[in-house]
Amino acid sequence: MEPPLEIPERTQFTDEAYGVLGRALSVATEFEGNCRALALLIGLREQPNITSDRASIDEFCQFMQRRTLAVHLKSVANAFDVSDDMESILNGARHSRNFITHEAAIGATRIFENSEEQEKFIQEVEGKIKVIAEANIWVVALSQAVTEEPLPTTSFFREYPNRVAEWVCEIEKTFV
C-alpha cells in the first residue's frame, strides 16, 4: 500500500505560482536575517566584551541564531525605543513573514490550478510582501544608523515595497 502522498503535476499555472511563493519566501527570509543581524549588532554594542575571544563570539552567534523573530524584534524595539506605530509595522511584518513561511503553501496545488484562486493568492501574497518590505527598510535603516552608514533616500523608502511586491508577484505574461 502506498501512502496518500502525491507529487503535484507541473503546469504553467503551478510553476508560475510556486515561483511567486519562492520569491516571497526569499523576501521573508531576508527580512528575518536582517532582523537577526540588527539584534546581533545591538547585542555587540551592549556587550562589547563578547568579542574578546573566538569562543565567546561563536557562543553569542549561536545564541542569536536560536532566538525567534519575535524576540529579535522585541530587542530592536527596546534598544531604539520605537514608537507604537513602528512596533506595529515590525510585528505586522512578522505576522506576514509567518504566513509566507508557514501557511502560504498549504493547499497550494489546489489553489494554483484555478486561475481565480491563483489571482486571490497572489493578491494576498502581494499585500504581505509590501508589509514585510516596509518593515525591512526600517530594519536596514536602523542597522545603517548603528554602523554609521548613509541612510536610504526618501524615494527609496517610498518605492521599495511596491518594487519588491512587483518582483515577487510578477507572472510571465507570455503564457497568459
C-alpha atoms as a PDB file:
ATOM      1  CA  MET A   1       0.000   0.000   0.000  1.00  0.00           C
ATOM      2  CA  GLU A   2       1.281   3.441  -0.892  1.00  0.00           C
ATOM      3  CA  PRO A   3       0.669   6.410   1.405  1.00  0.00           C
ATOM      4  CA  PRO A   4      -1.580   9.200   0.114  1.00  0.00           C
ATOM      5  CA  LEU A   5       1.333  11.369  -0.952  1.00  0.00           C
ATOM      6  CA  GLU A   6       1.453  12.764  -4.439  1.00  0.00           C
ATOM      7  CA  ILE A   7       3.902  14.857  -6.347  1.00  0.00           C
ATOM      8  CA  PRO A   8       1.853  17.653  -7.918  1.00  0.00           C
ATOM      9  CA  GLU A   9       1.751  17.892 -11.665  1.00  0.00           C
ATOM     10  CA  ARG A  10       3.835  20.707 -13.063  1.00  0.00           C
ATOM     11  CA  THR A  11       1.839  23.063 -15.221  1.00  0.00           C
ATOM     12  CA  GLN A  12       2.213  26.621 -16.370  1.00  0.00           C
ATOM     13  CA  PHE A  13      -0.044  27.780 -13.529  1.00  0.00           C
ATOM     14  CA  THR A  14       1.679  25.792 -10.795  1.00  0.00           C
ATOM     15  CA  ASP A  15       5.166  26.804 -11.963  1.00  0.00           C
ATOM     16  CA  GLU A  16       4.179  30.468 -12.008  1.00  0.00           C
ATOM     17  CA  ALA A  17       2.510  30.340  -8.610  1.00  0.00           C
ATOM     18  CA  TYR A  18       5.303  28.355  -6.993  1.00  0.00           C
ATOM     19  CA  GLY A  19       7.682  30.938  -8.453  1.00  0.00           C
ATOM     20  CA  VAL A  20       5.714  33.648  -6.640  1.00  0.00           C
ATOM     21  CA  LEU A  21       5.791  31.597  -3.453  1.00  0.00           C
ATOM     22  CA  GLY A  22       9.544  31.017  -3.762  1.00  0.00           C
ATOM     23  CA  ARG A  23      10.299  34.707  -4.301  1.00  0.00           C
ATOM     24  CA  ALA A  24       8.010  35.599  -1.381  1.00  0.00           C
ATOM     25  CA  LEU A  25       9.897  33.140   0.805  1.00  0.00           C
ATOM     26  CA  SER A  26      13.142  34.779  -0.260  1.00  0.00           C
ATOM     27  CA  VAL A  27      11.890  38.219   0.842  1.00  0.00           C
ATOM     28  CA  ALA A  28      10.539  36.841   4.131  1.00  0.00           C
ATOM     29  CA  THR A  29      13.839  35.104   4.848  1.00  0.00           C
ATOM     30  CA  GLU A  30      15.839  38.226   4.020  1.00  0.00           C
ATOM     31  CA  PHE A  31      13.707  40.231   6.465  1.00  0.00           C
ATOM     32  CA  GLU A  32      14.291  37.696   9.223  1.00  0.00           C
ATOM     33  CA  GLY A  33      18.028  37.670   8.506  1.00  0.00           C
ATOM     34  CA  ASN A  34      18.181  41.469   8.647  1.00  0.00           C
ATOM     35  CA  CYS A  35      16.311  41.439  11.975  1.00  0.00           C
ATOM     36  CA  ARG A  36      18.743  38.861  13.341  1.00  0.00           C
ATOM     37  CA  ALA A  37      21.719  40.913  12.115  1.00  0.00           C
ATOM     38  CA  LEU A  38      20.373  44.086  13.733  1.00  0.00           C
ATOM     39  CA  ALA A  39      19.737  42.260  17.010  1.00  0.00           C
ATOM     40  CA  LEU A  40      23.297  40.942  16.801  1.00  0.00           C
ATOM     41  CA  LEU A  41      24.626  44.480  16.292  1.00  0.00           C
ATOM     42  CA  ILE A  42      22.607  45.671  19.280  1.00  0.00           C
ATOM     43  CA  GLY A  43      23.926  42.810  21.413  1.00  0.00           C
ATOM     44  CA  LEU A  44      27.514  43.539  20.425  1.00  0.00           C
ATOM     45  CA  ARG A  45      27.031  47.229  21.146  1.00  0.00           C
ATOM     46  CA  GLU A  46      25.572  46.456  24.589  1.00  0.00           C
ATOM     47  CA  GLN A  47      28.163  43.787  25.454  1.00  0.00           C
ATOM     48  CA  PRO A  48      31.437  44.657  23.674  1.00  0.00           C
ATOM     49  CA  ASN A  49      33.381  42.137  25.802  1.00  0.00           C
ATOM     50  CA  ILE A  50      31.738  39.327  23.785  1.00  0.00           C
ATOM     51  CA  THR A  51      34.318  39.929  21.073  1.00  0.00           C
ATOM     52  CA  SER A  52      37.205  39.174  23.448  1.00  0.00           C
ATOM     53  CA  ASP A  53      37.719  35.650  22.117  1.00  0.00           C
ATOM     54  CA  ARG A  54      36.503  33.392  19.332  1.00  0.00           C
ATOM     55  CA  ALA A  55      34.601  31.024  21.654  1.00  0.00           C
ATOM     56  CA  SER A  56      32.562  33.901  23.106  1.00  0.00           C
ATOM     57  CA  ILE A  57      31.730  35.203  19.642  1.00  0.00           C
ATOM     58  CA  ASP A  58      30.675  31.734  18.467  1.00  0.00           C
ATOM     59  CA  GLU A  59      28.547  31.167  21.559  1.00  0.00           C
ATOM     60  CA  PHE A  60      26.853  34.544  21.162  1.00  0.00           C
ATOM     61  CA  CYS A  61      26.154  33.951  17.460  1.00  0.00           C
ATOM     62  CA  GLN A  62      24.652  30.531  18.194  1.00  0.00           C
ATOM     63  CA  PHE A  63      22.503  32.068  20.919  1.00  0.00           C
ATOM     64  CA  MET A  64      21.258  34.729  18.491  1.00  0.00           C
ATOM     65  CA  GLN A  65      20.582  32.121  15.805  1.00  0.00           C
ATOM     66  CA  ARG A  66      18.260  30.177  18.143  1.00  0.00           C
ATOM     67  CA  ARG A  67      16.154  33.198  19.095  1.00  0.00           C
ATOM     68  CA  THR A  68      12.811  33.689  17.423  1.00  0.00           C
ATOM     69  CA  LEU A  69      11.953  36.567  15.135  1.00  0.00           C
ATOM     70  CA  ALA A  70       9.576  37.906  17.796  1.00  0.00           C
ATOM     71  CA  VAL A  71      12.418  38.062  20.320  1.00  0.00           C
ATOM     72  CA  HIS A  72      14.714  39.790  17.832  1.00  0.00           C
ATOM     73  CA  LEU A  73      12.043  42.374  17.077  1.00  0.00           C
ATOM     74  CA  LYS A  74      11.407  42.962  20.768  1.00  0.00           C
ATOM     75  CA  SER A  75      15.109  43.631  21.351  1.00  0.00           C
ATOM     76  CA  VAL A  76      15.141  46.039  18.394  1.00  0.00           C
ATOM     77  CA  ALA A  77      12.053  47.848  19.700  1.00  0.00           C
ATOM     78  CA  ASN A  78      13.583  48.124  23.180  1.00  0.00           C
ATOM     79  CA  ALA A  79      17.028  49.226  22.010  1.00  0.00           C
ATOM     80  CA  PHE A  80      15.660  52.005  19.844  1.00  0.00           C
ATOM     81  CA  ASP A  81      12.632  52.827  21.990  1.00  0.00           C
ATOM     82  CA  VAL A  82      10.486  52.724  18.860  1.00  0.00           C
ATOM     83  CA  SER A  83       7.019  54.203  18.706  1.00  0.00           C
ATOM     84  CA  ASP A  84       3.904  52.059  18.961  1.00  0.00           C
ATOM     85  CA  ASP A  85       3.370  52.653  15.228  1.00  0.00           C
ATOM     86  CA  MET A  86       6.834  51.338  14.406  1.00  0.00           C
ATOM     87  CA  GLU A  87       6.374  48.341  16.685  1.00  0.00           C
ATOM     88  CA  SER A  88       3.097  47.667  14.872  1.00  0.00           C
ATOM     89  CA  ILE A  89       4.909  47.795  11.498  1.00  0.00           C
ATOM     90  CA  LEU A  90       7.557  45.355  12.716  1.00  0.00           C
ATOM     91  CA  ASN A  91       5.025  42.949  14.212  1.00  0.00           C
ATOM     92  CA  GLY A  92       2.834  43.175  11.122  1.00  0.00           C
ATOM     93  CA  ALA A  93       5.852  42.110   9.088  1.00  0.00           C
ATOM     94  CA  ARG A  94       6.470  39.237  11.493  1.00  0.00           C
ATOM     95  CA  HIS A  95       2.900  38.024  11.024  1.00  0.00           C
ATOM     96  CA  SER A  96       3.228  38.394   7.247  1.00  0.00           C
ATOM     97  CA  ARG A  97       6.522  36.505   7.329  1.00  0.00           C
ATOM     98  CA  ASN A  98       4.872  33.744   9.345  1.00  0.00           C
ATOM     99  CA  PHE A  99       2.080  33.488   6.774  1.00  0.00           C
ATOM    100  CA  ILE A 100       4.579  33.211   3.921  1.00  0.00           C
ATOM    101  CA  THR A 101       6.797  30.660   5.660  1.00  0.00           C
ATOM    102  CA  HIS A 102       4.191  28.540   7.440  1.00  0.00           C
ATOM    103  CA  GLU A 103       0.813  28.871   5.726  1.00  0.00           C
ATOM    104  CA  ALA A 104       1.012  30.082   2.139  1.00  0.00           C
ATOM    105  CA  ALA A 105       1.817  26.690   0.621  1.00  0.00           C
ATOM    106  CA  ILE A 106      -0.963  24.814   2.431  1.00  0.00           C
ATOM    107  CA  GLY A 107      -3.331  23.606  -0.255  1.00  0.00           C
ATOM    108  CA  ALA A 108      -1.238  25.357  -2.876  1.00  0.00           C
ATOM    109  CA  THR A 109      -1.645  22.762  -5.599  1.00  0.00           C
ATOM    110  CA  ARG A 110      -5.427  23.065  -5.461  1.00  0.00           C
ATOM    111  CA  ILE A 111      -5.253  26.855  -5.401  1.00  0.00           C
ATOM    112  CA  PHE A 112      -2.719  27.066  -8.210  1.00  0.00           C
ATOM    113  CA  GLU A 113      -4.798  25.016 -10.634  1.00  0.00           C
ATOM    114  CA  ASN A 114      -7.654  27.533 -10.514  1.00  0.00           C
ATOM    115  CA  SER A 115      -6.880  30.906 -12.125  1.00  0.00           C
ATOM    116  CA  GLU A 116      -9.327  32.828  -9.899  1.00  0.00           C
ATOM    117  CA  GLU A 117      -7.925  31.244  -6.741  1.00  0.00           C
ATOM    118  CA  GLN A 118      -4.409  31.874  -8.013  1.00  0.00           C
ATOM    119  CA  GLU A 119      -5.187  35.566  -8.509  1.00  0.00           C
ATOM    120  CA  LYS A 120      -6.577  35.818  -4.943  1.00  0.00           C
ATOM    121  CA  PHE A 121      -3.489  34.052  -3.621  1.00  0.00           C
ATOM    122  CA  ILE A 122      -1.143  36.392  -5.474  1.00  0.00           C
ATOM    123  CA  GLN A 123      -3.033  39.446  -4.209  1.00  0.00           C
ATOM    124  CA  GLU A 124      -2.762  38.166  -0.651  1.00  0.00           C
ATOM    125  CA  VAL A 125       0.952  37.485  -1.062  1.00  0.00           C
ATOM    126  CA  GLU A 126       1.435  40.930  -2.604  1.00  0.00           C
ATOM    127  CA  GLY A 127      -0.113  42.606   0.450  1.00  0.00           C
ATOM    128  CA  LYS A 128       2.007  40.541   2.849  1.00  0.00           C
ATOM    129  CA  ILE A 129       5.181  41.268   0.881  1.00  0.00           C
ATOM    130  CA  LYS A 130       4.556  45.024   0.982  1.00  0.00           C
ATOM    131  CA  VAL A 131       4.210  44.818   4.768  1.00  0.00           C
ATOM    132  CA  ILE A 132       7.461  42.848   5.043  1.00  0.00           C
ATOM    133  CA  ALA A 133       9.303  45.166   2.644  1.00  0.00           C
ATOM    134  CA  GLU A 134       8.250  48.281   4.552  1.00  0.00           C
ATOM    135  CA  ALA A 135       9.488  46.842   7.827  1.00  0.00           C
ATOM    136  CA  ASN A 136      12.658  45.567   6.178  1.00  0.00           C
ATOM    137  CA  ILE A 137      13.539  49.105   5.071  1.00  0.00           C
ATOM    138  CA  TRP A 138      13.280  50.280   8.667  1.00  0.00           C
ATOM    139  CA  VAL A 139      15.349  47.388   9.980  1.00  0.00           C
ATOM    140  CA  VAL A 140      18.069  48.055   7.412  1.00  0.00           C
ATOM    141  CA  ALA A 141      17.946  51.810   8.134  1.00  0.00           C
ATOM    142  CA  LEU A 142      18.359  51.138  11.863  1.00  0.00           C
ATOM    143  CA  SER A 143      21.294  48.840  11.081  1.00  0.00           C
ATOM    144  CA  GLN A 144      22.854  51.552   8.955  1.00  0.00           C
ATOM    145  CA  ALA A 145      22.369  54.049  11.770  1.00  0.00           C
ATOM    146  CA  VAL A 146      24.158  51.705  14.187  1.00  0.00           C
ATOM    147  CA  THR A 147      27.049  51.209  11.768  1.00  0.00           C
ATOM    148  CA  GLU A 148      27.001  54.904  10.801  1.00  0.00           C
ATOM    149  CA  GLU A 149      26.398  54.179   7.129  1.00  0.00           C
ATOM    150  CA  PRO A 150      24.335  56.534   4.944  1.00  0.00           C
ATOM    151  CA  LEU A 151      20.568  56.099   5.232  1.00  0.00           C
ATOM    152  CA  PRO A 152      18.321  55.268   2.265  1.00  0.00           C
ATOM    153  CA  THR A 153      16.716  58.183   0.432  1.00  0.00           C
ATOM    154  CA  THR A 154      13.098  59.145   0.931  1.00  0.00           C
ATOM    155  CA  SER A 155      12.258  57.999  -2.589  1.00  0.00           C
ATOM    156  CA  PHE A 156      13.798  54.596  -1.860  1.00  0.00           C
ATOM    157  CA  PHE A 157      11.624  54.280   1.270  1.00  0.00           C
ATOM    158  CA  ARG A 158       8.568  55.186  -0.782  1.00  0.00           C
ATOM    159  CA  GLU A 159       9.257  52.952  -3.811  1.00  0.00           C
ATOM    160  CA  TYR A 160      10.829  49.846  -2.286  1.00  0.00           C
ATOM    161  CA  PRO A 161       7.710  47.991  -1.051  1.00  0.00           C
ATOM    162  CA  ASN A 162       5.996  48.268  -4.452  1.00  0.00           C
ATOM    163  CA  ARG A 163       9.150  47.292  -6.336  1.00  0.00           C
ATOM    164  CA  VAL A 164       9.631  44.216  -4.155  1.00  0.00           C
ATOM    165  CA  ALA A 165       5.960  43.234  -4.489  1.00  0.00           C
ATOM    166  CA  GLU A 166       6.189  43.584  -8.275  1.00  0.00           C
ATOM    167  CA  TRP A 167       9.258  41.347  -8.360  1.00  0.00           C
ATOM    168  CA  VAL A 168       7.638  38.711  -6.153  1.00  0.00           C
ATOM    169  CA  CYS A 169       4.239  38.660  -7.842  1.00  0.00           C
ATOM    170  CA  GLU A 170       5.232  39.063 -11.460  1.00  0.00           C
ATOM    171  CA  ILE A 171       3.997  36.249 -13.659  1.00  0.00           C
ATOM    172  CA  GLU A 172       5.360  35.807 -17.140  1.00  0.00           C
ATOM    173  CA  LYS A 173       2.703  37.399 -19.338  1.00  0.00           C
ATOM    174  CA  THR A 174       3.778  35.475 -22.444  1.00  0.00           C
ATOM    175  CA  PHE A 175       1.911  32.421 -21.131  1.00  0.00           C
ATOM    176  CA  VAL A 176      -1.366  34.196 -20.452  1.00  0.00           C
END
